[in-house]
């Protein structure tokens, strides 16, 4: 059982924008870096016996998305991808990963 999970990724991001079609701008992106992780772990049989763990590992992300121009300065953004905070082939490691989804508004400066 895991408690108080904190993941802080530090990464470089590469984004490729396809040719815009009207107001729609499609893109794909990938990120690679380090993740600094802190959490408490306990067993099911002794849930009050918590062990504090600090570790770091490789952070990865790959995804695709789109921006839609509402005006010259305001865009709606949506993206979906796969994210992993401590990539490892060790079966005993905690490897938080999963689908990531983003929805937001982007404001362009002058």
Protein backbone atom coordinates (compact mmCIF):
# COMPACT_ATOMS: atom_id res chain seq x y z
CA UNK A 1 0.00 0.00 0.00
CA UNK A 2 1.42 3.41 -0.99
CA UNK A 3 0.78 6.70 0.82
CA UNK A 4 1.67 10.39 0.24
CA UNK A 5 2.95 9.94 -3.32
CA UNK A 6 4.95 12.89 -4.70
CA UNK A 7 6.52 12.81 -8.17
CA UNK A 8 8.60 15.72 -9.48
CA UNK A 9 9.68 15.27 -13.12
CA UNK A 10 12.50 17.36 -14.66
CA UNK A 11 12.63 16.82 -18.41
CA UNK A 12 13.35 18.05 -21.94
CA UNK A 13 10.41 18.19 -24.35
CA UNK A 14 10.43 17.85 -28.15
CA UNK A 15 7.25 18.88 -29.98
CA UNK A 16 6.52 18.63 -33.71
CA UNK A 17 3.66 20.65 -35.23
CA UNK A 18 2.09 19.37 -38.43
CA UNK A 19 0.95 21.81 -41.11
CA UNK A 20 -2.11 23.67 -39.72
CA UNK A 21 -5.47 23.01 -41.37
CA UNK A 22 -7.58 26.14 -40.97
CA UNK A 23 -7.82 26.88 -37.24
CA UNK A 24 -6.65 23.37 -36.23
CA UNK A 25 -2.98 22.78 -35.36
CA UNK A 26 -2.09 19.10 -34.68
CA UNK A 27 1.12 18.11 -32.88
CA UNK A 28 3.02 15.16 -31.46
CA UNK A 29 5.48 15.35 -28.59
CA UNK A 30 7.89 13.35 -26.48
CA UNK A 31 9.67 14.08 -23.19
CA UNK A 32 12.62 12.41 -21.46
CA UNK A 33 14.21 13.28 -18.13
CA UNK A 34 14.49 12.39 -14.44
CA UNK A 35 11.73 11.92 -11.89
CA UNK A 36 12.33 12.51 -8.18
CA UNK A 37 9.86 10.41 -6.19
CA UNK A 38 8.88 10.33 -2.50
CA UNK A 39 6.26 8.10 -0.91
CA UNK A 40 5.45 5.92 2.09
CA UNK A 41 4.98 2.16 1.66
CA UNK A 42 3.32 -0.33 4.01
CA UNK A 43 2.27 -3.95 3.71
CA UNK A 44 -1.34 -5.10 3.87
CA UNK A 45 -0.61 -7.09 7.02
CA UNK A 46 1.01 -4.11 8.85
CA UNK A 47 -0.62 -0.93 7.45
CA UNK A 48 0.67 1.26 10.31
CA UNK A 49 4.30 0.22 9.74
CA UNK A 50 5.11 2.77 7.01
CA UNK A 51 8.53 3.09 5.39
CA UNK A 52 9.50 6.42 3.78
CA UNK A 53 11.08 5.96 0.35
CA UNK A 54 13.00 8.50 -1.75
CA UNK A 55 14.15 7.47 -5.23
CA UNK A 56 14.73 8.79 -8.71
CA UNK A 57 14.34 7.27 -12.14
CA UNK A 58 13.86 7.89 -15.83
CA UNK A 59 10.78 9.94 -16.78
CA UNK A 60 9.24 9.41 -20.25
CA UNK A 61 6.20 10.77 -22.07
CA UNK A 62 4.87 10.35 -25.61
CA UNK A 63 1.63 11.80 -26.90
CA UNK A 64 -0.33 13.68 -29.49
CA UNK A 65 -2.73 16.59 -29.40
CA UNK A 66 -4.37 19.54 -31.09
CA UNK A 67 -4.77 23.29 -30.69
CA UNK A 68 -7.88 25.03 -32.01
CA UNK A 69 -7.75 28.82 -32.52
CA UNK A 70 -10.77 30.54 -31.01
CA UNK A 71 -9.21 33.92 -31.87
CA UNK A 72 -5.75 35.29 -32.72
CA UNK A 73 -4.74 35.17 -29.04
CA UNK A 74 -6.81 32.35 -27.50
CA UNK A 75 -6.49 28.61 -28.29
CA UNK A 76 -8.16 25.50 -26.89
CA UNK A 77 -5.64 22.70 -26.32
CA UNK A 78 -6.22 18.96 -25.91
CA UNK A 79 -3.63 16.16 -25.73
CA UNK A 80 -3.41 12.48 -24.79
CA UNK A 81 -0.33 10.32 -24.17
CA UNK A 82 1.45 7.70 -22.12
CA UNK A 83 3.56 8.75 -19.11
CA UNK A 84 6.00 6.84 -16.90
CA UNK A 85 7.70 8.25 -13.78
CA UNK A 86 10.31 5.55 -13.00
CA UNK A 87 10.90 3.25 -15.93
CA UNK A 88 12.51 -0.01 -14.84
CA UNK A 89 12.63 -3.68 -15.80
CA UNK A 90 12.97 -4.73 -12.14
CA UNK A 91 9.65 -6.36 -11.11
CA UNK A 92 10.16 -5.26 -7.48
CA UNK A 93 10.34 -1.53 -8.38
CA UNK A 94 7.37 0.82 -8.06
CA UNK A 95 6.77 2.03 -11.64
CA UNK A 96 3.91 4.55 -11.78
CA UNK A 97 2.72 4.96 -15.36
CA UNK A 98 -0.46 5.38 -17.34
CA UNK A 99 -2.52 7.45 -19.70
CA UNK A 100 -2.23 11.22 -19.45
CA UNK A 101 -4.93 13.61 -20.72
CA UNK A 102 -4.74 17.38 -20.94
CA UNK A 103 -7.46 19.95 -21.71
CA UNK A 104 -6.79 23.66 -21.43
CA UNK A 105 -6.70 27.17 -22.82
CA UNK A 106 -3.55 28.78 -24.26
CA UNK A 107 -3.15 32.56 -24.37
CA UNK A 108 -0.65 33.93 -26.91
CA UNK A 109 1.23 37.09 -25.92
CA UNK A 110 1.45 40.06 -28.30
